[in-house]
Protein backbone atom coordinates (compact mmCIF):
# COMPACT_ATOMS: atom_id res chain seq x y z
CA MET A 1 68.21 -97.71 -203.63
CA LYS A 2 69.66 -95.45 -206.39
CA THR A 3 72.75 -94.19 -205.34
CA GLY A 4 73.01 -90.62 -207.53
CA GLY A 5 74.52 -92.24 -210.40
CA ARG A 6 75.32 -90.24 -213.69
CA ARG A 7 72.57 -90.73 -216.40
CA HIS A 8 74.40 -91.82 -219.61
CA LEU A 9 71.90 -94.83 -220.86
CA ALA A 10 70.06 -92.68 -223.36
CA ALA A 11 72.76 -89.87 -224.10
CA LEU A 12 75.07 -87.54 -222.81
CA LEU A 13 72.51 -84.56 -222.77
CA ILE A 14 75.34 -82.39 -222.18
CA VAL A 15 75.73 -78.85 -224.07
CA ALA A 16 75.64 -75.04 -223.72
CA CYS A 17 75.26 -71.74 -225.48
CA ALA A 18 77.05 -68.49 -225.74
CA LEU A 19 78.04 -66.02 -222.73
CA ALA A 20 77.50 -62.49 -224.54
CA LEU A 21 80.22 -60.46 -223.65
CA ALA A 22 79.79 -56.56 -223.70
CA ALA A 23 82.51 -54.77 -226.00
CA CYS A 24 84.54 -51.85 -224.28
CA SER A 25 84.22 -48.53 -225.36
CA GLY A 26 86.49 -47.18 -228.03
CA SER A 27 86.44 -43.60 -226.38
CA LYS A 28 90.09 -41.95 -226.19
CA SER A 29 89.61 -41.11 -222.25
CA ALA A 30 89.94 -43.50 -219.70
CA PRO A 31 87.17 -45.88 -219.61
CA THR A 32 84.57 -45.95 -216.28
CA PRO A 33 85.27 -48.58 -213.93
CA THR A 34 82.32 -50.66 -213.53
CA PRO A 35 81.16 -50.59 -209.82
CA THR A 36 81.42 -53.73 -208.19
CA VAL A 37 77.92 -54.85 -207.17
CA PRO A 38 77.64 -57.15 -204.00
CA PRO A 39 75.68 -60.00 -204.52
CA ARG A 40 72.27 -60.40 -202.90
CA PRO A 41 72.01 -62.07 -199.74
CA ALA A 42 70.49 -65.56 -199.48
CA VAL A 43 67.32 -65.86 -197.67
CA TYR A 44 65.75 -68.86 -196.07
CA ALA A 45 62.07 -69.33 -195.06
CA SER A 46 60.39 -71.94 -193.36
CA ALA A 47 57.93 -73.70 -195.37
CA SER A 48 55.56 -77.09 -195.17
CA CYS A 49 57.63 -80.17 -196.34
CA PRO A 50 57.04 -80.57 -199.80
CA VAL A 51 57.65 -84.59 -199.37
CA GLY A 52 56.80 -87.03 -196.72
CA ALA A 53 59.59 -87.66 -193.51
CA PRO A 54 61.84 -91.11 -193.76
CA ALA A 55 60.30 -93.41 -191.82
CA GLY A 56 60.29 -92.50 -188.40
CA GLN A 57 61.55 -88.97 -188.43
CA ASP A 58 60.71 -85.73 -187.63
CA MET A 59 61.61 -83.17 -190.25
CA GLN A 60 61.83 -79.61 -190.62
CA CYS A 61 61.53 -77.79 -194.12
CA GLY A 62 62.02 -74.53 -195.69
CA TYR A 63 63.39 -72.36 -198.96
CA LEU A 64 66.58 -70.78 -199.52
CA ALA A 65 66.11 -68.00 -202.07
CA VAL A 66 69.10 -67.25 -203.79
CA PRO A 67 70.30 -65.54 -207.35
CA GLU A 68 70.32 -67.79 -210.10
CA ASN A 69 73.82 -66.46 -211.31
CA ARG A 70 75.62 -64.49 -208.70
CA SER A 71 77.83 -62.77 -211.00
CA LYS A 72 75.06 -60.50 -212.20
CA PRO A 73 73.37 -58.41 -210.34
CA ASP A 74 69.89 -58.18 -212.06
CA SER A 75 69.92 -62.40 -211.67
CA HIS A 76 66.32 -63.93 -211.22
CA THR A 77 65.76 -65.20 -207.80
CA ILE A 78 65.22 -68.89 -207.39
CA LYS A 79 64.26 -71.19 -204.73
CA LEU A 80 66.20 -74.06 -203.27
CA ALA A 81 64.30 -77.06 -201.04
CA VAL A 82 65.67 -77.69 -197.71
CA ALA A 83 64.95 -80.35 -195.34
CA VAL A 84 66.57 -80.84 -191.54
CA ILE A 85 66.29 -84.07 -189.78
CA LYS A 86 67.15 -82.73 -186.19
CA SER A 87 69.52 -84.96 -184.09
CA THR A 88 68.08 -87.23 -181.64
CA SER A 89 70.92 -85.94 -179.05
CA PRO A 90 69.38 -83.40 -176.67
CA ASN A 91 72.77 -81.83 -176.76
CA PRO A 92 73.83 -82.20 -180.59
CA ALA A 93 76.85 -81.50 -182.08
CA PRO A 94 77.11 -77.89 -183.50
CA ASP A 95 78.27 -79.29 -186.74
CA PRO A 96 75.39 -80.99 -189.34
CA MET A 97 76.08 -83.30 -191.87
CA ILE A 98 74.73 -82.27 -195.32
CA TYR A 99 74.40 -85.04 -197.89
CA LEU A 100 74.73 -83.80 -201.64
CA SER A 101 72.93 -85.82 -204.49
CA GLY A 102 74.39 -87.33 -207.52
CA GLY A 103 73.41 -86.70 -211.41
CA PRO A 104 74.18 -83.95 -211.54
CA GLY A 105 70.20 -83.35 -211.39
CA GLN A 106 69.06 -86.48 -208.89
CA PRO A 107 66.51 -84.88 -206.30
CA GLY A 108 67.54 -84.80 -202.82
CA LEU A 109 64.38 -84.88 -201.00
CA ALA A 110 62.18 -87.38 -202.75
CA ASP A 111 65.35 -89.86 -203.62
CA ASN A 112 68.01 -90.88 -201.31
CA MET A 113 67.15 -88.76 -198.12
CA GLN A 114 64.31 -91.05 -198.03
CA ALA A 115 66.68 -93.99 -197.19
CA PHE A 116 67.27 -92.15 -193.95
CA SER A 117 64.93 -93.63 -191.62
CA LYS A 118 65.42 -93.39 -187.65
CA THR A 119 67.03 -96.86 -187.79
CA PHE A 120 69.05 -96.20 -190.67
CA ALA A 121 70.38 -92.85 -189.74
CA GLU A 122 71.19 -93.32 -186.09
CA PRO A 123 74.81 -93.67 -185.99
CA VAL A 124 75.38 -90.51 -187.35
CA GLN A 125 71.78 -88.70 -186.25
CA SER A 126 72.17 -89.64 -182.67
CA LYS A 127 75.04 -86.85 -182.63
CA ARG A 128 74.36 -84.52 -185.40
CA ASP A 129 71.51 -82.90 -187.35
CA LEU A 130 71.16 -84.38 -190.84
CA VAL A 131 70.46 -81.59 -193.67
CA PHE A 132 69.24 -82.40 -197.34
CA LEU A 133 68.98 -80.16 -200.11
CA ASP A 134 67.27 -80.32 -203.83
CA GLN A 135 70.36 -78.87 -205.46
CA ARG A 136 69.63 -75.74 -207.97
CA GLY A 137 66.91 -76.94 -210.96
CA THR A 138 66.20 -80.28 -209.38
CA GLY A 139 63.45 -81.82 -207.40
CA TYR A 140 61.15 -79.25 -205.51
CA SER A 141 63.44 -76.34 -206.20
CA GLN A 142 61.93 -73.80 -208.18
CA PRO A 143 62.46 -73.35 -211.09
CA LEU A 144 62.62 -77.16 -212.22
CA LEU A 145 65.00 -77.88 -215.17
CA GLY A 146 63.57 -81.54 -215.89
CA CYS A 147 62.63 -82.65 -219.29
CA PRO A 148 59.69 -84.82 -219.75
CA GLU A 149 60.57 -84.52 -223.35
CA THR A 150 63.89 -86.73 -223.17
CA ASN A 151 62.02 -89.22 -220.79
CA ASP A 152 59.16 -89.57 -223.15
CA ALA A 153 61.81 -90.30 -226.00
CA PHE A 154 63.86 -92.43 -224.05
CA ARG A 155 60.46 -94.86 -223.24
CA ALA A 156 59.64 -94.57 -227.08
CA ALA A 157 62.93 -95.92 -227.98
CA LEU A 158 63.10 -98.46 -225.86
CA ALA A 159 60.33 -100.13 -227.49
CA GLN A 160 62.20 -100.00 -230.70
CA ASP A 161 65.37 -102.13 -232.26
CA ILE A 162 67.62 -98.94 -231.99
CA ARG A 163 71.20 -98.59 -231.83
CA ASN A 164 72.71 -96.29 -228.80
CA ASP A 165 74.23 -93.94 -231.49
CA ALA A 166 70.58 -93.66 -233.21
CA GLN A 167 69.17 -93.46 -229.88
CA ASN A 168 71.72 -90.83 -228.64
CA ALA A 169 70.60 -88.53 -231.35
CA GLY A 170 67.13 -88.73 -230.66
CA ALA A 171 67.95 -88.08 -227.08
CA ASN A 172 69.88 -84.31 -228.52
CA ALA A 173 67.03 -83.60 -230.19
CA ALA A 174 64.66 -84.00 -227.09
CA VAL A 175 66.81 -82.17 -225.08
CA LYS A 176 66.68 -79.00 -227.57
CA ALA A 177 63.21 -79.20 -227.31
CA CYS A 178 63.30 -79.25 -223.70
CA HIS A 179 65.80 -76.08 -224.01
CA ASP A 180 63.69 -74.29 -226.05
CA ARG A 181 60.90 -74.70 -223.75
CA LEU A 182 62.54 -73.69 -220.44
CA ALA A 183 64.46 -70.79 -222.43
CA LYS A 184 61.07 -69.17 -223.05
CA ASP A 185 60.63 -68.95 -219.16
CA GLY A 186 64.09 -67.07 -219.09
CA ILE A 187 66.30 -69.64 -217.68
CA ASP A 188 69.78 -68.46 -217.27
CA PHE A 189 71.70 -71.98 -217.77
CA SER A 190 74.91 -70.17 -217.45
CA GLY A 191 73.72 -69.85 -213.78
CA TYR A 192 73.54 -74.03 -213.16
CA SER A 193 77.33 -74.65 -212.69
CA SER A 194 79.19 -76.85 -209.64
CA LYS A 195 80.64 -73.40 -208.58
CA GLU A 196 76.97 -71.64 -208.13
CA ASN A 197 75.84 -75.21 -206.72
CA ALA A 198 78.77 -74.92 -203.84
CA LEU A 199 77.64 -71.24 -203.08
CA ASP A 200 74.45 -72.28 -202.39
CA VAL A 201 75.84 -74.95 -199.65
CA LYS A 202 77.70 -72.13 -198.14
CA ASP A 203 74.85 -69.66 -198.27
CA LEU A 204 72.42 -72.36 -196.97
CA MET A 205 74.30 -73.40 -193.99
CA HIS A 206 75.30 -70.05 -192.91
CA ALA A 207 71.44 -69.11 -193.13
CA LEU A 208 70.46 -72.08 -191.01
CA GLY A 209 73.15 -70.85 -188.35
CA TYR A 210 75.88 -73.63 -188.23
CA ALA A 211 79.07 -71.87 -188.03
CA LYS A 212 80.87 -75.51 -189.15
CA TYR A 213 79.60 -78.39 -190.75
CA ASN A 214 80.79 -81.61 -192.58
CA VAL A 215 79.61 -82.35 -196.11
CA TYR A 216 78.82 -85.93 -197.32
CA GLY A 217 78.83 -86.25 -201.09
CA VAL A 218 78.10 -89.18 -203.70
CA SER A 219 78.86 -89.27 -207.13
CA TYR A 220 78.36 -85.94 -208.82
CA GLY A 221 77.74 -85.05 -205.44
CA THR A 222 81.43 -85.61 -204.46
CA ARG A 223 82.43 -83.37 -207.11
CA LEU A 224 80.18 -80.89 -205.67
CA ALA A 225 81.54 -81.62 -202.59
CA LEU A 226 84.90 -80.63 -203.58
CA GLU A 227 84.30 -77.91 -204.85
CA VAL A 228 82.18 -76.82 -201.41
CA MET A 229 85.65 -77.47 -200.00
CA ARG A 230 87.19 -75.12 -202.41
CA GLN A 231 84.68 -72.22 -201.82
CA ASP A 232 84.04 -72.58 -198.16
CA PRO A 233 86.98 -74.06 -196.33
CA GLN A 234 87.16 -71.97 -193.59
CA HIS A 235 83.51 -73.49 -192.48
CA VAL A 236 83.56 -76.79 -193.69
CA ARG A 237 84.63 -79.40 -190.96
CA SER A 238 85.09 -82.77 -192.77
CA VAL A 239 84.14 -84.37 -195.76
CA ILE A 240 83.21 -87.83 -196.84
CA LEU A 241 83.40 -88.80 -200.89
CA ASP A 242 81.86 -91.49 -201.71
CA SER A 243 82.16 -92.82 -205.46
CA THR A 244 84.28 -90.35 -206.32
CA LEU A 245 84.09 -87.83 -209.25
CA PRO A 246 87.25 -85.43 -209.25
CA PRO A 247 86.92 -82.08 -210.91
CA GLN A 248 90.32 -82.72 -213.17
CA VAL A 249 88.87 -85.94 -214.79
CA THR A 250 86.54 -86.02 -217.91
CA PRO A 251 83.85 -88.50 -217.11
CA GLU A 252 81.84 -88.18 -220.60
CA LEU A 253 85.08 -89.45 -222.50
CA ALA A 254 85.87 -91.90 -219.60
CA GLN A 255 82.89 -93.67 -219.60
CA SER A 256 84.00 -96.39 -221.91
CA ALA A 257 87.08 -97.11 -220.33
CA THR A 258 85.83 -96.82 -216.79
CA PHE A 259 82.93 -99.75 -217.88
CA GLN A 260 85.64 -101.68 -219.46
CA ARG A 261 87.71 -101.50 -216.20
CA ALA A 262 84.35 -102.62 -214.53
CA VAL A 263 83.83 -105.64 -216.69
CA ASN A 264 87.47 -106.90 -216.41
CA THR A 265 87.28 -106.92 -213.05
CA LEU A 266 84.15 -108.89 -212.88
CA VAL A 267 85.94 -111.23 -215.03
CA SER A 268 88.68 -111.39 -212.88
CA GLY A 269 86.62 -112.02 -209.82
CA CYS A 270 84.67 -114.72 -211.43
CA ASP A 271 88.02 -116.33 -212.56
CA ALA A 272 89.81 -116.13 -209.09
CA ASP A 273 86.70 -117.93 -207.60
CA THR A 274 86.91 -121.61 -208.32
CA LYS A 275 83.23 -122.54 -208.57
CA CYS A 276 82.43 -119.42 -210.89
CA GLU A 277 85.33 -120.21 -213.26
CA SER A 278 84.23 -123.48 -213.44
CA ALA A 279 80.61 -122.85 -214.17
CA TYR A 280 81.42 -119.65 -216.63
CA PRO A 281 84.91 -120.70 -217.76
CA ASP A 282 84.78 -118.21 -220.82
CA LEU A 283 82.88 -115.61 -219.28
CA GLU A 284 84.39 -112.86 -221.01
CA SER A 285 83.79 -114.50 -224.55
CA THR A 286 80.20 -115.78 -223.29
CA TYR A 287 79.57 -111.93 -222.47
CA PHE A 288 80.81 -110.36 -225.87
CA ALA A 289 79.42 -113.08 -228.06
CA LEU A 290 75.96 -112.14 -226.24
CA VAL A 291 76.39 -108.55 -227.23
CA ALA A 292 77.07 -109.20 -231.13
CA LYS A 293 73.96 -111.65 -231.17
CA ALA A 294 71.69 -109.65 -229.60
CA ASN A 295 72.76 -107.00 -232.21
CA GLN A 296 71.67 -109.33 -234.97
CA GLN A 297 68.96 -110.89 -233.04
CA PRO A 298 67.33 -108.45 -230.39
CA ILE A 299 65.30 -110.04 -227.70
CA THR A 300 62.10 -108.24 -226.58
CA VAL A 301 60.66 -108.50 -223.22
CA GLN A 302 58.02 -106.82 -221.07
CA PRO A 303 58.98 -105.43 -217.79
CA THR A 304 57.09 -103.10 -215.34
CA ASP A 305 58.10 -99.24 -215.44
CA GLY A 306 58.16 -98.40 -211.98
CA ALA A 307 56.99 -94.78 -212.55
CA THR A 308 53.89 -95.53 -214.53
CA GLY A 309 53.51 -99.22 -212.90
CA GLN A 310 52.47 -100.86 -216.42
CA LYS A 311 54.26 -103.08 -218.34
CA ALA A 312 56.45 -101.57 -220.91
CA THR A 313 57.92 -103.06 -224.29
CA VAL A 314 61.82 -103.19 -223.99
CA VAL A 315 63.80 -104.41 -227.18
CA VAL A 316 67.21 -105.56 -226.02
CA ASN A 317 70.04 -105.18 -228.84
CA GLY A 318 73.43 -105.63 -228.07
CA ASP A 319 74.06 -102.14 -227.40
CA ARG A 320 71.44 -102.18 -224.38
CA ILE A 321 73.02 -105.63 -223.06
CA LEU A 322 76.31 -103.15 -222.47
CA SER A 323 73.99 -100.18 -221.24
CA GLY A 324 72.10 -102.72 -218.76
CA THR A 325 75.36 -104.44 -217.69
CA PHE A 326 76.76 -100.74 -217.04
CA GLN A 327 73.71 -99.94 -214.69
CA ALA A 328 73.93 -103.26 -213.23
CA LEU A 329 77.08 -102.40 -211.82
CA TYR A 330 76.01 -100.14 -209.64
CA ASP A 331 74.30 -102.32 -207.85
CA THR A 332 76.16 -104.20 -205.07
CA SER A 333 73.62 -106.82 -204.58
CA LEU A 334 73.53 -107.54 -208.63
CA ILE A 335 77.02 -108.12 -209.19
CA PRO A 336 77.20 -111.98 -207.85
CA LEU A 337 74.34 -112.23 -210.46
CA LEU A 338 75.98 -111.06 -213.50
CA PRO A 339 77.93 -114.39 -214.60
CA PHE A 340 74.67 -116.28 -214.01
CA ALA A 341 72.76 -114.00 -215.82
CA ALA A 342 74.84 -113.64 -219.09
CA LYS A 343 75.24 -117.21 -219.56
CA GLN A 344 71.63 -117.76 -219.02
CA ILE A 345 70.56 -115.35 -221.52
CA ALA A 346 73.05 -116.82 -224.10
CA THR A 347 71.16 -119.89 -223.80
CA GLY A 348 67.67 -118.19 -224.30
CA ASN A 349 66.33 -117.54 -220.76
CA THR A 350 64.75 -114.19 -221.16
CA ALA A 351 62.67 -114.38 -217.72
CA ILE A 352 66.08 -113.47 -216.03
CA LEU A 353 67.04 -110.88 -218.98
CA GLU A 354 63.44 -108.99 -217.99
CA GLN A 355 64.06 -108.97 -214.16
CA ILE A 356 66.96 -107.32 -214.38
CA ALA A 357 65.31 -104.78 -217.17
CA GLN A 358 62.88 -104.09 -214.70
CA GLN A 359 65.96 -103.11 -212.25
CA VAL A 360 67.80 -101.05 -214.55
CA ALA A 361 66.07 -99.82 -217.63
CA PHE A 362 64.21 -97.01 -216.15
CA ALA A 363 66.88 -96.05 -213.82
CA ASN A 364 67.71 -92.17 -213.12
CA LEU A 365 64.76 -90.99 -215.01
CA ASP A 366 63.39 -88.77 -212.54
CA ILE A 367 67.22 -86.39 -213.09
CA ALA A 368 66.70 -83.26 -214.20
CA GLN A 369 68.23 -83.33 -217.63
CA ALA A 370 68.67 -79.63 -218.45
CA MET A 371 70.12 -78.97 -214.74
CA ASN A 372 72.29 -81.96 -215.91
CA VAL A 373 73.32 -80.79 -219.67
CA ALA A 374 73.64 -77.15 -217.94
CA VAL A 375 76.47 -78.21 -214.95
CA GLU A 376 78.28 -80.69 -217.45
CA CYS A 377 78.83 -77.80 -219.84
CA ASN A 378 79.59 -75.32 -217.37
CA ASP A 379 81.96 -78.02 -215.80
CA THR A 380 83.87 -79.67 -218.23
CA VAL A 381 82.28 -80.33 -221.64
CA MET A 382 83.56 -77.22 -223.40
CA SER A 383 87.08 -77.89 -222.09
CA GLN A 384 87.19 -81.19 -224.10
CA LYS A 385 89.39 -81.58 -227.48
CA ALA A 386 88.99 -84.31 -230.30
CA SER A 387 92.73 -85.54 -228.97
CA ASP A 388 91.21 -85.91 -225.37
CA VAL A 389 88.50 -88.30 -226.77
CA ALA A 390 91.21 -90.25 -228.83
CA ALA A 391 93.42 -90.49 -225.38
CA ALA A 392 90.28 -91.49 -223.21
CA THR A 393 89.08 -94.52 -225.63
CA LYS A 394 92.84 -95.98 -226.30
CA GLY A 395 92.58 -99.57 -225.65
CA VAL A 396 89.06 -99.91 -225.12
CA ARG A 397 87.51 -103.25 -226.98
CA PRO A 398 85.56 -102.25 -230.34
CA GLU A 399 82.27 -103.82 -228.88
CA ILE A 400 82.06 -101.34 -226.09
CA LEU A 401 82.83 -98.39 -228.42
CA ALA A 402 80.29 -99.53 -230.79
CA GLY A 403 78.08 -99.14 -227.81
CA HIS A 404 78.23 -95.54 -227.71
CA LEU A 405 78.06 -95.81 -224.17
CA GLY A 406 80.03 -92.26 -223.42
CA VAL A 407 81.30 -89.41 -225.95
CA SER A 408 83.74 -92.22 -227.99
CA THR A 409 84.41 -90.05 -231.29
CA ALA A 410 85.34 -86.50 -232.01
CA ALA A 411 81.71 -86.04 -233.89
CA GLU A 412 79.84 -86.96 -230.44
CA LEU A 413 81.67 -84.52 -228.37
CA LYS A 414 81.05 -82.15 -231.28
CA ASP A 415 77.61 -82.73 -231.07
CA ALA A 416 77.71 -82.60 -227.32
CA GLN A 417 79.53 -79.15 -227.57
CA ASP A 418 76.65 -77.81 -229.99
CA VAL A 419 74.21 -78.64 -227.47
CA CYS A 420 76.07 -76.56 -224.74
CA ARG A 421 76.11 -73.52 -227.33
CA LEU A 422 72.39 -74.06 -227.59
CA PHE A 423 72.29 -73.50 -223.85
CA GLY A 424 74.50 -70.42 -224.23
CA ILE A 425 77.62 -71.80 -222.47
CA THR A 426 80.91 -71.67 -224.55
CA SER A 427 83.51 -72.33 -221.86
CA THR A 428 83.84 -73.93 -218.61
CA VAL A 429 83.78 -72.05 -215.45
CA PRO A 430 87.02 -70.78 -214.69
CA GLY A 431 89.23 -73.05 -212.14
CA THR A 432 86.24 -75.91 -212.25
CA THR A 433 88.51 -78.45 -213.82
CA ASP A 434 91.46 -77.92 -211.28
CA PRO A 435 92.35 -80.38 -208.57
CA VAL A 436 91.12 -79.13 -205.22
CA THR A 437 94.00 -79.13 -202.52
CA SER A 438 93.01 -79.00 -198.90
CA ASP A 439 93.67 -80.35 -195.38
CA ILE A 440 90.03 -80.36 -194.79
CA PRO A 441 90.06 -83.98 -192.93
CA THR A 442 88.68 -86.54 -195.89
CA LEU A 443 87.38 -89.45 -195.74
CA VAL A 444 87.23 -91.52 -199.46
CA LEU A 445 84.98 -94.51 -199.98
CA ALA A 446 85.26 -96.46 -203.44
CA GLY A 447 84.04 -99.57 -204.63
CA GLU A 448 85.57 -102.57 -206.47
CA TYR A 449 83.46 -103.10 -209.47
CA ASP A 450 82.21 -99.14 -209.81
CA PRO A 451 81.44 -98.95 -213.54
CA VAL A 452 81.42 -94.99 -213.58
CA THR A 453 83.53 -93.77 -210.91
CA PRO A 454 86.42 -96.13 -210.14
CA PRO A 455 88.36 -96.49 -207.16
CA ASP A 456 91.53 -94.61 -208.81
CA TRP A 457 89.42 -91.73 -208.94
CA GLY A 458 88.79 -91.85 -205.51
CA LYS A 459 92.68 -92.11 -205.16
CA LEU A 460 93.25 -89.25 -207.47
CA ALA A 461 91.40 -86.95 -205.58
CA ALA A 462 93.12 -87.82 -202.40
CA LYS A 463 96.33 -86.81 -203.86
CA THR A 464 95.66 -83.51 -203.33
CA LEU A 465 94.02 -83.73 -199.95
CA SER A 466 96.61 -84.11 -197.16
CA HIS A 467 94.48 -85.03 -194.47
CA SER A 468 92.74 -88.45 -196.25
CA TYR A 469 91.59 -91.75 -195.62
CA PHE A 470 91.09 -94.20 -198.77
CA PHE A 471 88.60 -97.17 -198.33
CA GLN A 472 88.19 -99.58 -201.03
CA PHE A 473 84.91 -101.91 -200.40
CA PRO A 474 85.37 -105.40 -202.00
CA ALA A 475 82.72 -106.80 -204.42
CA SER A 476 81.09 -103.54 -204.19
CA GLY A 477 79.43 -101.12 -207.03
CA HIS A 478 78.71 -97.51 -206.89
CA GLY A 479 77.32 -95.59 -203.93
CA GLU A 480 79.01 -97.38 -200.67
CA LEU A 481 76.51 -95.39 -197.97
CA PHE A 482 73.78 -97.69 -199.25
CA GLY A 483 75.56 -100.67 -201.08
CA ARG A 484 77.37 -101.42 -197.77
CA ARG A 485 74.70 -99.79 -195.36
CA ASP A 486 76.09 -100.83 -192.03
CA CYS A 487 79.46 -100.89 -192.56
CA ALA A 488 80.04 -97.62 -194.35
CA ILE A 489 77.62 -95.57 -192.09
CA ALA A 490 79.27 -97.05 -189.09
CA LEU A 491 82.65 -95.87 -190.70
CA ALA A 492 81.39 -92.43 -191.79
CA ALA A 493 79.65 -91.73 -187.85
CA THR A 494 83.07 -92.84 -186.62
CA PHE A 495 85.32 -90.33 -188.90
CA LEU A 496 82.75 -87.52 -188.08
CA ASP A 497 83.33 -87.70 -184.35
CA ASP A 498 87.13 -87.37 -184.69
CA PRO A 499 87.79 -86.33 -188.12
CA SER A 500 91.67 -86.25 -187.11
CA GLN A 501 92.44 -89.98 -187.14
CA ALA A 502 91.93 -92.40 -189.40
CA PRO A 503 88.29 -94.45 -188.56
CA ASP A 504 88.76 -98.26 -188.01
CA GLY A 505 87.98 -100.05 -191.09
CA SER A 506 87.93 -103.16 -189.67
CA CYS A 507 84.47 -103.70 -191.20
CA VAL A 508 85.50 -103.00 -195.04
CA SER A 509 88.66 -105.28 -194.71
CA SER A 510 86.03 -108.01 -193.55
CA ILE A 511 84.01 -108.06 -196.43
CA ALA A 512 84.50 -111.08 -198.74
CA GLU A 513 84.78 -111.11 -202.68
CA PRO A 514 81.51 -111.65 -204.46
CA ALA A 515 79.61 -115.11 -203.59
CA PHE A 516 78.82 -115.46 -206.96
CA LEU A 517 75.68 -117.22 -208.19
CA THR A 518 76.16 -120.66 -209.74
CA PRO A 519 73.94 -123.72 -210.95
């Protein structure tokens, strides 16, 4: 189950263009004040569901009509796809839980919502409604800011021995083509930001008639959840942050460092396990030697592309070993296998490489890439400087920096910002990168091995949340609700029952460190 992770395998497709600001009149007389035009109200209408309900669930659907850009009186109207799974209680609590997907750009209704079967959802659904949303530009919302151009370029690149820097350049060219197509349809990319997304959530919950509501966010969805706390504090009852992305961090620049932290955690975890240390005494050296060798002698495998059902040729060089490991560390179930896999691949076992490639190579191709670009540009990218890159990558192993997993050079930052300018975004939305300060009760969940949103980011967010509870899940990757299903959803349900009290975390403390696979 995908957990809403950020897609940086192909490239950070993040960019924006310029907001045209009208010059003030030079007249000697006093300027005429511009009248304040109130934003058009959001309108909700029921509709047939565009996707099937999760197993055993009855579901009601509709669309929320909102302005594409609330700061512009003449803005287009866009439609957001919504699904509500009603509580199984005859007397449900008046405050539902809304689920916010990651990405940015991951669909909500056709993706993680499908895991909310009647059995899985019972701890929460037995008390309250569950609300799901395809964020603006994603899934079944209209317009869709998806980019088949980038997916086609990504699949074509996989079949060739291309290093990540060249692959990233190709991805940027593809996202420019996607931009040009969408721009012809009149898309206002400046309207796709976490602030606008948060106001969508506020408008939706009001339109559905909920006076108070609870928010669950995963990965990018946590940044959005924090922004909802900022934009609608009087109506948010509680928040759950799963794999936290605080607004004050720069994820594009930090990715190399967060990946190295996860690799270090894996090596340390193996060294602390007697059997693992005995089987793989030089795991770190073995792994980085494999990366170097694969860059010289790539390995070709043929996993099945889940979207097409067809075999696909994937040329695995060292950069793709890094990218694949990054993606594999998201998945809690794969973590115990990684030392064994590194050793086996290093000794020529390509079968296990093909199995892993099948699970990670095509992850996140359902993300709406143009929405991803616009949100990243509006939220963070244009506020970053070349000096920030140097600070973020200081101390990172050269092999990881050479793999170009994130923005690791000043030139790459310039490329990303050039894409932003193409999209019409030249600055970040004011206040977006400020920490969120709040006393709204908040449950913060983190995974020990998470390669993209490390536990320290959860702690950082919690510093300015005066009524927060932090739990780190041992042996876990990215997205605890699905990685640690029974424990995480029970913890969430207990917290929602009474957010004023720290929930019982005994199930978290009972989780053992990874049972690493050994020969």
